[in-house]
Amino acid sequence: MNKIVISVSDIVTRLGLNLIHDGLSMSVKRGEIYGLLGGSGSGKSTLLKEMIMLVRPESGEIRLLEHNLTSITLTEIAKLQRRWGVLFQSGALYSSLTVKENIGITLREYTCLPDTLIQEIVRVKLRMVGLSDGAADLYPSQLSGGMIKRVALARALAMDPELLFLDEPTSGLDPVGAEAFDHLILELRDILGLTIVMVTHDLDSIWTVVDRFAVLGDKKVVAEGCLADVIENPHPIVQQFFKGARGKIRSQNGK
C-alpha cells in the first residue's frame, strides 16, 4: 500500500469565472480506500472528474497509473479508461435498459466476448454486489435507491478494474442501507485488491471505511492523512467537520 497510483500536483481549476481549485495537491496509494471530504462547492466531485478525464484542469499535473493525464495520447486514454470503474452519485443507469443490459454494456462496447459469456459475467457481478439473479430483468424504475447503487457498482466492476471511483456512494440511502453499502465497499476492496477513491460528506464512511482522506477547503487540500491525524488538525474547516455537534456524536458512538 505504499506505491502511489494517483498523484495530483498543484492543480488549478476554473469553471467559467469560478476558481474551484488553486494549487491543490494529494496522492492515493495502491490498495487503499481514499476519501475526498469537504463542504458543498469545495470541488470534490470536480476533482474526481479530473481524475477520470471528464474535466481538464487549467494547470498542474495529474498522474494516474504512471500516466501523465496532461500529455496522454488518445490510444493511451482508451486503454487507461478500461482500468477504472466509476459509480456516479445518481447511479446514472440507462432507464430504457434492464439491469443485465446496464451491467453488460461496457463489456459489449469494449470486448469481443460472446453473449453467453457476457451473461455469465453479469450474473457474477450481480452476486458480487449482493443482488440475486432475479434482479437482472428489472428496469431502473423498478429498483429501490439501494438497488440502483448496487447495480451501478456492478457495472463499474464489469471490466475488472484496478481503480474504482465512487461519487457520494451512500447519498440518498437510509442509515441501514448506507452501512451495508460501506461494508460492501470494504469487502470488495479486500477481495478484489481494488484501489478506491470515494467522494463523500458522510462522517460514518470516514470513520468506518476510509484508510486515508483529504479535506478540501479554501480551494485546496487543507488536511490529508488517516483519521487520527486529520482530526487533530487545527484548521477551522477540519474542526467544523469533526468538532461540531454531529462530529462529536459520531466520535462518541465510535468509541
C-alpha atoms as a PDB file:
ATOM      1  CA  MET A   1       0.000   0.000   0.000  1.00  0.00           C
ATOM      2  CA  ASN A   2       2.997   2.318  -0.309  1.00  0.00           C
ATOM      3  CA  LYS A   3       3.053   2.708  -4.081  1.00  0.00           C
ATOM      4  CA  ILE A   4       1.447   5.935  -5.301  1.00  0.00           C
ATOM      5  CA  VAL A   5      -1.082   5.201  -8.061  1.00  0.00           C
ATOM      6  CA  ILE A   6      -2.673   8.671  -8.280  1.00  0.00           C
ATOM      7  CA  SER A   7      -0.693  11.870  -7.785  1.00  0.00           C
ATOM      8  CA  VAL A   8      -2.291  15.314  -8.025  1.00  0.00           C
ATOM      9  CA  SER A   9       0.142  18.235  -8.009  1.00  0.00           C
ATOM     10  CA  ASP A  10      -0.646  21.967  -7.851  1.00  0.00           C
ATOM     11  CA  ILE A  11      -3.937  21.697  -9.736  1.00  0.00           C
ATOM     12  CA  VAL A  12      -5.693  24.912 -10.715  1.00  0.00           C
ATOM     13  CA  THR A  13      -9.260  24.533 -11.979  1.00  0.00           C
ATOM     14  CA  ARG A  14     -11.673  27.136 -13.312  1.00  0.00           C
ATOM     15  CA  LEU A  15     -15.247  26.526 -14.383  1.00  0.00           C
ATOM     16  CA  GLY A  16     -16.255  29.665 -16.208  1.00  0.00           C
ATOM     17  CA  LEU A  17     -15.316  32.563 -13.958  1.00  0.00           C
ATOM     18  CA  ASN A  18     -15.261  30.410 -10.825  1.00  0.00           C
ATOM     19  CA  LEU A  19     -11.923  29.333  -9.382  1.00  0.00           C
ATOM     20  CA  ILE A  20     -12.524  25.831  -7.994  1.00  0.00           C
ATOM     21  CA  HIS A  21      -9.003  24.615  -7.140  1.00  0.00           C
ATOM     22  CA  ASP A  22      -5.968  26.796  -6.533  1.00  0.00           C
ATOM     23  CA  GLY A  23      -2.801  24.761  -6.058  1.00  0.00           C
ATOM     24  CA  LEU A  24      -4.490  21.535  -4.896  1.00  0.00           C
ATOM     25  CA  SER A  25      -2.240  18.506  -4.251  1.00  0.00           C
ATOM     26  CA  MET A  26      -2.895  14.989  -2.882  1.00  0.00           C
ATOM     27  CA  SER A  27      -1.959  11.373  -3.546  1.00  0.00           C
ATOM     28  CA  VAL A  28      -3.565   7.934  -3.407  1.00  0.00           C
ATOM     29  CA  LYS A  29      -1.698   4.714  -2.542  1.00  0.00           C
ATOM     30  CA  ARG A  30      -2.336   1.327  -4.090  1.00  0.00           C
ATOM     31  CA  GLY A  31      -4.877  -0.801  -2.238  1.00  0.00           C
ATOM     32  CA  GLU A  32      -6.307   1.927  -0.036  1.00  0.00           C
ATOM     33  CA  ILE A  33      -9.747   3.472   0.225  1.00  0.00           C
ATOM     34  CA  TYR A  34      -9.125   7.189  -0.082  1.00  0.00           C
ATOM     35  CA  GLY A  35     -11.807   9.741   0.766  1.00  0.00           C
ATOM     36  CA  LEU A  36     -12.396  13.239  -0.568  1.00  0.00           C
ATOM     37  CA  LEU A  37     -14.229  15.177   2.139  1.00  0.00           C
ATOM     38  CA  GLY A  38     -15.402  18.773   2.055  1.00  0.00           C
ATOM     39  CA  GLY A  39     -18.373  21.064   2.107  1.00  0.00           C
ATOM     40  CA  SER A  40     -20.687  21.749  -0.827  1.00  0.00           C
ATOM     41  CA  GLY A  41     -18.819  23.615  -3.539  1.00  0.00           C
ATOM     42  CA  SER A  42     -15.373  22.609  -2.296  1.00  0.00           C
ATOM     43  CA  GLY A  43     -14.567  20.873  -5.582  1.00  0.00           C
ATOM     44  CA  LYS A  44     -14.681  17.212  -4.514  1.00  0.00           C
ATOM     45  CA  SER A  45     -16.676  15.903  -7.479  1.00  0.00           C
ATOM     46  CA  THR A  46     -14.794  18.182  -9.870  1.00  0.00           C
ATOM     47  CA  LEU A  47     -11.502  16.692  -8.675  1.00  0.00           C
ATOM     48  CA  LEU A  48     -12.848  13.185  -9.230  1.00  0.00           C
ATOM     49  CA  LYS A  49     -13.963  14.166 -12.735  1.00  0.00           C
ATOM     50  CA  GLU A  50     -10.453  15.452 -13.440  1.00  0.00           C
ATOM     51  CA  MET A  51      -9.023  12.079 -12.401  1.00  0.00           C
ATOM     52  CA  ILE A  52     -11.299  10.286 -14.891  1.00  0.00           C
ATOM     53  CA  MET A  53     -10.680  12.947 -17.553  1.00  0.00           C
ATOM     54  CA  LEU A  54     -14.178  14.420 -17.758  1.00  0.00           C
ATOM     55  CA  VAL A  55     -12.832  17.831 -16.692  1.00  0.00           C
ATOM     56  CA  ARG A  56      -9.443  19.260 -17.613  1.00  0.00           C
ATOM     57  CA  PRO A  57      -7.596  21.460 -15.092  1.00  0.00           C
ATOM     58  CA  GLU A  58      -6.192  24.804 -16.162  1.00  0.00           C
ATOM     59  CA  SER A  59      -2.736  23.916 -14.856  1.00  0.00           C
ATOM     60  CA  GLY A  60      -0.900  21.445 -12.664  1.00  0.00           C
ATOM     61  CA  GLU A  61      -0.377  17.724 -13.153  1.00  0.00           C
ATOM     62  CA  ILE A  62      -2.340  14.547 -12.525  1.00  0.00           C
ATOM     63  CA  ARG A  63      -0.515  11.227 -12.812  1.00  0.00           C
ATOM     64  CA  LEU A  64      -2.655   8.091 -12.756  1.00  0.00           C
ATOM     65  CA  LEU A  65      -1.252   4.555 -13.046  1.00  0.00           C
ATOM     66  CA  GLU A  66       2.046   6.055 -14.254  1.00  0.00           C
ATOM     67  CA  HIS A  67       0.359   8.120 -16.982  1.00  0.00           C
ATOM     68  CA  ASN A  68       0.527  11.916 -17.101  1.00  0.00           C
ATOM     69  CA  LEU A  69      -3.055  12.916 -17.930  1.00  0.00           C
ATOM     70  CA  THR A  70      -1.959  16.277 -19.340  1.00  0.00           C
ATOM     71  CA  SER A  71       0.131  14.701 -22.101  1.00  0.00           C
ATOM     72  CA  ILE A  72      -1.518  11.315 -22.633  1.00  0.00           C
ATOM     73  CA  THR A  73      -2.307  10.146 -26.189  1.00  0.00           C
ATOM     74  CA  LEU A  74      -5.745   9.110 -27.422  1.00  0.00           C
ATOM     75  CA  THR A  75      -4.610   5.493 -27.689  1.00  0.00           C
ATOM     76  CA  GLU A  76      -3.354   5.546 -24.093  1.00  0.00           C
ATOM     77  CA  ILE A  77      -6.620   7.134 -22.927  1.00  0.00           C
ATOM     78  CA  ALA A  78      -8.661   4.316 -24.463  1.00  0.00           C
ATOM     79  CA  LYS A  79      -6.524   1.703 -22.699  1.00  0.00           C
ATOM     80  CA  LEU A  80      -6.432   3.561 -19.388  1.00  0.00           C
ATOM     81  CA  GLN A  81     -10.203   4.029 -19.194  1.00  0.00           C
ATOM     82  CA  ARG A  82     -10.611   0.242 -19.160  1.00  0.00           C
ATOM     83  CA  ARG A  83      -8.556   0.076 -15.969  1.00  0.00           C
ATOM     84  CA  TRP A  84     -11.035   2.030 -13.850  1.00  0.00           C
ATOM     85  CA  GLY A  85     -14.713   1.877 -12.971  1.00  0.00           C
ATOM     86  CA  VAL A  86     -16.958   4.744 -11.884  1.00  0.00           C
ATOM     87  CA  LEU A  87     -20.093   4.919  -9.755  1.00  0.00           C
ATOM     88  CA  PHE A  88     -21.774   8.291 -10.197  1.00  0.00           C
ATOM     89  CA  GLN A  89     -23.864   9.811  -7.410  1.00  0.00           C
ATOM     90  CA  SER A  90     -27.225   9.176  -9.091  1.00  0.00           C
ATOM     91  CA  GLY A  91     -26.202   5.754 -10.368  1.00  0.00           C
ATOM     92  CA  ALA A  92     -26.561   7.028 -13.962  1.00  0.00           C
ATOM     93  CA  LEU A  93     -28.277   3.857 -15.151  1.00  0.00           C
ATOM     94  CA  TYR A  94     -29.866   3.843 -18.595  1.00  0.00           C
ATOM     95  CA  SER A  95     -33.595   3.920 -17.898  1.00  0.00           C
ATOM     96  CA  SER A  96     -34.510   2.099 -21.123  1.00  0.00           C
ATOM     97  CA  LEU A  97     -32.165  -0.836 -20.403  1.00  0.00           C
ATOM     98  CA  THR A  98     -32.649  -3.700 -17.976  1.00  0.00           C
ATOM     99  CA  VAL A  99     -30.251  -4.323 -15.101  1.00  0.00           C
ATOM    100  CA  LYS A 100     -28.371  -7.001 -17.047  1.00  0.00           C
ATOM    101  CA  GLU A 101     -28.146  -4.732 -20.093  1.00  0.00           C
ATOM    102  CA  ASN A 102     -26.816  -1.844 -17.976  1.00  0.00           C
ATOM    103  CA  ILE A 103     -24.116  -4.041 -16.435  1.00  0.00           C
ATOM    104  CA  GLY A 104     -23.163  -5.670 -19.729  1.00  0.00           C
ATOM    105  CA  ILE A 105     -22.996  -2.516 -21.822  1.00  0.00           C
ATOM    106  CA  THR A 106     -19.284  -1.824 -21.267  1.00  0.00           C
ATOM    107  CA  LEU A 107     -18.418  -5.467 -21.980  1.00  0.00           C
ATOM    108  CA  ARG A 108     -20.238  -5.259 -25.298  1.00  0.00           C
ATOM    109  CA  GLU A 109     -18.606  -1.925 -26.142  1.00  0.00           C
ATOM    110  CA  TYR A 110     -15.010  -2.745 -25.243  1.00  0.00           C
ATOM    111  CA  THR A 111     -14.702  -6.517 -25.752  1.00  0.00           C
ATOM    112  CA  CYS A 112     -15.492  -9.178 -28.338  1.00  0.00           C
ATOM    113  CA  LEU A 113     -16.762 -11.681 -25.788  1.00  0.00           C
ATOM    114  CA  PRO A 114     -19.652 -13.927 -26.848  1.00  0.00           C
ATOM    115  CA  ASP A 115     -23.052 -13.096 -25.438  1.00  0.00           C
ATOM    116  CA  THR A 116     -23.203 -16.263 -23.331  1.00  0.00           C
ATOM    117  CA  LEU A 117     -20.007 -15.294 -21.520  1.00  0.00           C
ATOM    118  CA  ILE A 118     -21.198 -11.703 -21.031  1.00  0.00           C
ATOM    119  CA  GLN A 119     -24.410 -13.007 -19.475  1.00  0.00           C
ATOM    120  CA  GLU A 120     -22.386 -15.157 -17.064  1.00  0.00           C
ATOM    121  CA  ILE A 121     -20.130 -12.231 -16.124  1.00  0.00           C
ATOM    122  CA  VAL A 122     -23.230 -10.116 -15.458  1.00  0.00           C
ATOM    123  CA  ARG A 123     -24.587 -12.807 -13.112  1.00  0.00           C
ATOM    124  CA  VAL A 124     -21.265 -12.941 -11.271  1.00  0.00           C
ATOM    125  CA  LYS A 125     -21.166  -9.155 -10.849  1.00  0.00           C
ATOM    126  CA  LEU A 126     -24.764  -9.103  -9.598  1.00  0.00           C
ATOM    127  CA  ARG A 127     -23.959 -11.643  -6.915  1.00  0.00           C
ATOM    128  CA  MET A 128     -20.763  -9.795  -6.088  1.00  0.00           C
ATOM    129  CA  VAL A 129     -22.772  -6.722  -5.058  1.00  0.00           C
ATOM    130  CA  GLY A 130     -25.369  -8.730  -3.163  1.00  0.00           C
ATOM    131  CA  LEU A 131     -28.168  -8.923  -5.731  1.00  0.00           C
ATOM    132  CA  SER A 132     -29.967 -12.046  -6.915  1.00  0.00           C
ATOM    133  CA  ASP A 133     -30.314 -13.263 -10.492  1.00  0.00           C
ATOM    134  CA  GLY A 134     -33.950 -12.174 -10.315  1.00  0.00           C
ATOM    135  CA  ALA A 135     -32.883  -8.518 -10.493  1.00  0.00           C
ATOM    136  CA  ALA A 136     -31.338  -8.980 -13.940  1.00  0.00           C
ATOM    137  CA  ASP A 137     -34.533  -8.389 -15.927  1.00  0.00           C
ATOM    138  CA  LEU A 138     -35.773  -5.408 -13.915  1.00  0.00           C
ATOM    139  CA  TYR A 139     -35.626  -1.830 -15.163  1.00  0.00           C
ATOM    140  CA  PRO A 140     -34.142   1.052 -13.103  1.00  0.00           C
ATOM    141  CA  SER A 141     -37.637   2.399 -12.388  1.00  0.00           C
ATOM    142  CA  GLN A 142     -38.404  -0.856 -10.592  1.00  0.00           C
ATOM    143  CA  LEU A 143     -35.400  -0.623  -8.259  1.00  0.00           C
ATOM    144  CA  SER A 144     -35.022   0.899  -4.808  1.00  0.00           C
ATOM    145  CA  GLY A 145     -32.341   3.514  -4.191  1.00  0.00           C
ATOM    146  CA  GLY A 146     -30.058   0.929  -2.622  1.00  0.00           C
ATOM    147  CA  MET A 147     -30.514  -1.471  -5.528  1.00  0.00           C
ATOM    148  CA  ILE A 148     -29.709   1.285  -8.030  1.00  0.00           C
ATOM    149  CA  LYS A 149     -26.409   1.921  -6.214  1.00  0.00           C
ATOM    150  CA  ARG A 150     -25.569  -1.784  -6.263  1.00  0.00           C
ATOM    151  CA  VAL A 151     -26.393  -2.182  -9.961  1.00  0.00           C
ATOM    152  CA  ALA A 152     -24.277   0.868 -10.773  1.00  0.00           C
ATOM    153  CA  LEU A 153     -21.471  -0.635  -8.706  1.00  0.00           C
ATOM    154  CA  ALA A 154     -21.793  -3.943 -10.564  1.00  0.00           C
ATOM    155  CA  ARG A 155     -21.499  -2.044 -13.845  1.00  0.00           C
ATOM    156  CA  ALA A 156     -18.408  -0.218 -12.555  1.00  0.00           C
ATOM    157  CA  LEU A 157     -16.850  -3.614 -11.759  1.00  0.00           C
ATOM    158  CA  ALA A 158     -17.779  -5.233 -15.081  1.00  0.00           C
ATOM    159  CA  MET A 159     -14.324  -4.796 -16.651  1.00  0.00           C
ATOM    160  CA  ASP A 160     -12.427  -5.966 -13.527  1.00  0.00           C
ATOM    161  CA  PRO A 161     -10.859  -2.532 -12.901  1.00  0.00           C
ATOM    162  CA  GLU A 162      -7.809  -1.727 -10.798  1.00  0.00           C
ATOM    163  CA  LEU A 163      -9.264   1.600  -9.682  1.00  0.00           C
ATOM    164  CA  LEU A 164     -12.786   2.344  -8.516  1.00  0.00           C
ATOM    165  CA  PHE A 165     -14.138   5.896  -8.282  1.00  0.00           C
ATOM    166  CA  LEU A 166     -17.238   6.448  -6.140  1.00  0.00           C
ATOM    167  CA  ASP A 167     -19.103   9.779  -6.085  1.00  0.00           C
ATOM    168  CA  GLU A 168     -21.195  10.051  -2.893  1.00  0.00           C
ATOM    169  CA  PRO A 169     -21.954   6.293  -2.859  1.00  0.00           C
ATOM    170  CA  THR A 170     -24.178   6.434   0.248  1.00  0.00           C
ATOM    171  CA  SER A 171     -26.029   9.611  -0.708  1.00  0.00           C
ATOM    172  CA  GLY A 172     -29.796   9.121  -0.565  1.00  0.00           C
ATOM    173  CA  LEU A 173     -29.596   5.853   1.373  1.00  0.00           C
ATOM    174  CA  ASP A 174     -31.116   5.325   4.801  1.00  0.00           C
ATOM    175  CA  PRO A 175     -28.650   4.609   7.663  1.00  0.00           C
ATOM    176  CA  VAL A 176     -29.074   0.832   7.399  1.00  0.00           C
ATOM    177  CA  GLY A 177     -28.578   0.863   3.637  1.00  0.00           C
ATOM    178  CA  ALA A 178     -25.604   3.200   3.906  1.00  0.00           C
ATOM    179  CA  GLU A 179     -23.911   0.979   6.482  1.00  0.00           C
ATOM    180  CA  ALA A 180     -24.488  -2.107   4.333  1.00  0.00           C
ATOM    181  CA  PHE A 181     -23.029  -0.335   1.300  1.00  0.00           C
ATOM    182  CA  ASP A 182     -19.972   0.748   3.293  1.00  0.00           C
ATOM    183  CA  HIS A 183     -19.329  -2.854   4.322  1.00  0.00           C
ATOM    184  CA  LEU A 184     -19.779  -3.975   0.708  1.00  0.00           C
ATOM    185  CA  ILE A 185     -17.104  -1.498  -0.408  1.00  0.00           C
ATOM    186  CA  LEU A 186     -14.705  -2.821   2.233  1.00  0.00           C
ATOM    187  CA  GLU A 187     -15.334  -6.433   1.216  1.00  0.00           C
ATOM    188  CA  LEU A 188     -14.827  -5.722  -2.469  1.00  0.00           C
ATOM    189  CA  ARG A 189     -11.580  -3.855  -1.811  1.00  0.00           C
ATOM    190  CA  ASP A 190     -10.227  -6.763   0.217  1.00  0.00           C
ATOM    191  CA  ILE A 191     -11.409  -9.499  -2.151  1.00  0.00           C
ATOM    192  CA  LEU A 192     -10.503  -7.808  -5.447  1.00  0.00           C
ATOM    193  CA  GLY A 193      -7.469  -5.789  -4.338  1.00  0.00           C
ATOM    194  CA  LEU A 194      -9.003  -2.537  -5.561  1.00  0.00           C
ATOM    195  CA  THR A 195      -7.777   0.985  -5.012  1.00  0.00           C
ATOM    196  CA  ILE A 196     -10.816   3.157  -4.277  1.00  0.00           C
ATOM    197  CA  VAL A 197     -11.302   6.919  -4.379  1.00  0.00           C
ATOM    198  CA  MET A 198     -14.543   7.958  -2.712  1.00  0.00           C
ATOM    199  CA  VAL A 199     -16.125  11.410  -2.669  1.00  0.00           C
ATOM    200  CA  THR A 200     -18.192  11.707   0.495  1.00  0.00           C
ATOM    201  CA  HIS A 201     -19.550  14.026   3.156  1.00  0.00           C
ATOM    202  CA  ASP A 202     -20.730  11.063   5.242  1.00  0.00           C
ATOM    203  CA  LEU A 203     -18.780  11.019   8.519  1.00  0.00           C
ATOM    204  CA  ASP A 204     -19.830   7.410   9.137  1.00  0.00           C
ATOM    205  CA  SER A 205     -17.984   6.386   5.973  1.00  0.00           C
ATOM    206  CA  ILE A 206     -14.912   8.342   7.055  1.00  0.00           C
ATOM    207  CA  TRP A 207     -14.912   6.561  10.423  1.00  0.00           C
ATOM    208  CA  THR A 208     -15.575   3.037   9.187  1.00  0.00           C
ATOM    209  CA  VAL A 209     -14.362   2.660   5.593  1.00  0.00           C
ATOM    210  CA  VAL A 210     -11.673   5.133   4.605  1.00  0.00           C
ATOM    211  CA  ASP A 211      -7.948   4.453   5.173  1.00  0.00           C
ATOM    212  CA  ARG A 212      -6.807   7.991   4.410  1.00  0.00           C
ATOM    213  CA  PHE A 213      -8.593  11.076   3.194  1.00  0.00           C
ATOM    214  CA  ALA A 214      -8.214  14.696   2.172  1.00  0.00           C
ATOM    215  CA  VAL A 215     -10.314  17.578   3.469  1.00  0.00           C
ATOM    216  CA  LEU A 216     -10.934  20.143   0.743  1.00  0.00           C
ATOM    217  CA  GLY A 217     -11.448  23.797   1.572  1.00  0.00           C
ATOM    218  CA  ASP A 218     -10.143  27.224   0.595  1.00  0.00           C
ATOM    219  CA  LYS A 219      -9.760  25.783  -2.933  1.00  0.00           C
ATOM    220  CA  LYS A 220      -7.065  23.293  -1.872  1.00  0.00           C
ATOM    221  CA  VAL A 221      -6.377  20.362   0.453  1.00  0.00           C
ATOM    222  CA  VAL A 222      -6.313  21.723   3.999  1.00  0.00           C
ATOM    223  CA  ALA A 223      -5.589  18.342   5.645  1.00  0.00           C
ATOM    224  CA  GLU A 224      -4.613  14.865   4.459  1.00  0.00           C
ATOM    225  CA  GLY A 225      -3.912  11.608   6.257  1.00  0.00           C
ATOM    226  CA  CYS A 226      -5.564   8.970   8.414  1.00  0.00           C
ATOM    227  CA  LEU A 227      -8.451   9.877  10.719  1.00  0.00           C
ATOM    228  CA  ALA A 228      -6.319  10.064  13.860  1.00  0.00           C
ATOM    229  CA  ASP A 229      -4.013  12.625  12.239  1.00  0.00           C
ATOM    230  CA  VAL A 230      -6.600  14.704  10.391  1.00  0.00           C
ATOM    231  CA  ILE A 231      -8.985  15.029  13.331  1.00  0.00           C
ATOM    232  CA  GLU A 232      -6.266  16.851  15.313  1.00  0.00           C
ATOM    233  CA  ASN A 233      -5.529  19.324  12.537  1.00  0.00           C
ATOM    234  CA  PRO A 234      -6.297  22.832  13.841  1.00  0.00           C
ATOM    235  CA  HIS A 235      -7.574  24.190  10.508  1.00  0.00           C
ATOM    236  CA  PRO A 236     -11.058  25.725  11.061  1.00  0.00           C
ATOM    237  CA  ILE A 237     -12.645  23.705   8.245  1.00  0.00           C
ATOM    238  CA  VAL A 238     -11.392  20.453   9.760  1.00  0.00           C
ATOM    239  CA  GLN A 239     -12.604  21.479  13.193  1.00  0.00           C
ATOM    240  CA  GLN A 240     -16.045  22.357  11.817  1.00  0.00           C
ATOM    241  CA  PHE A 241     -16.388  18.815  10.454  1.00  0.00           C
ATOM    242  CA  PHE A 242     -15.072  16.859  13.398  1.00  0.00           C
ATOM    243  CA  LYS A 243     -15.598  19.054  16.441  1.00  0.00           C
ATOM    244  CA  GLY A 244     -19.115  20.193  15.606  1.00  0.00           C
ATOM    245  CA  ALA A 245     -22.186  18.609  17.199  1.00  0.00           C
ATOM    246  CA  ARG A 246     -22.597  15.829  14.601  1.00  0.00           C
ATOM    247  CA  GLY A 247     -18.892  15.059  14.556  1.00  0.00           C
ATOM    248  CA  LYS A 248     -18.821  14.773  18.360  1.00  0.00           C
ATOM    249  CA  ILE A 249     -21.827  12.435  18.350  1.00  0.00           C
ATOM    250  CA  ARG A 250     -20.155  10.178  15.787  1.00  0.00           C
ATOM    251  CA  SER A 251     -16.866  10.266  17.692  1.00  0.00           C
ATOM    252  CA  GLN A 252     -18.569   9.251  20.933  1.00  0.00           C
ATOM    253  CA  ASN A 253     -20.532   6.465  19.247  1.00  0.00           C
ATOM    254  CA  GLY A 254     -17.381   5.213  17.565  1.00  0.00           C
ATOM    255  CA  LYS A 255     -15.549   4.671  20.868  1.00  0.00           C
END
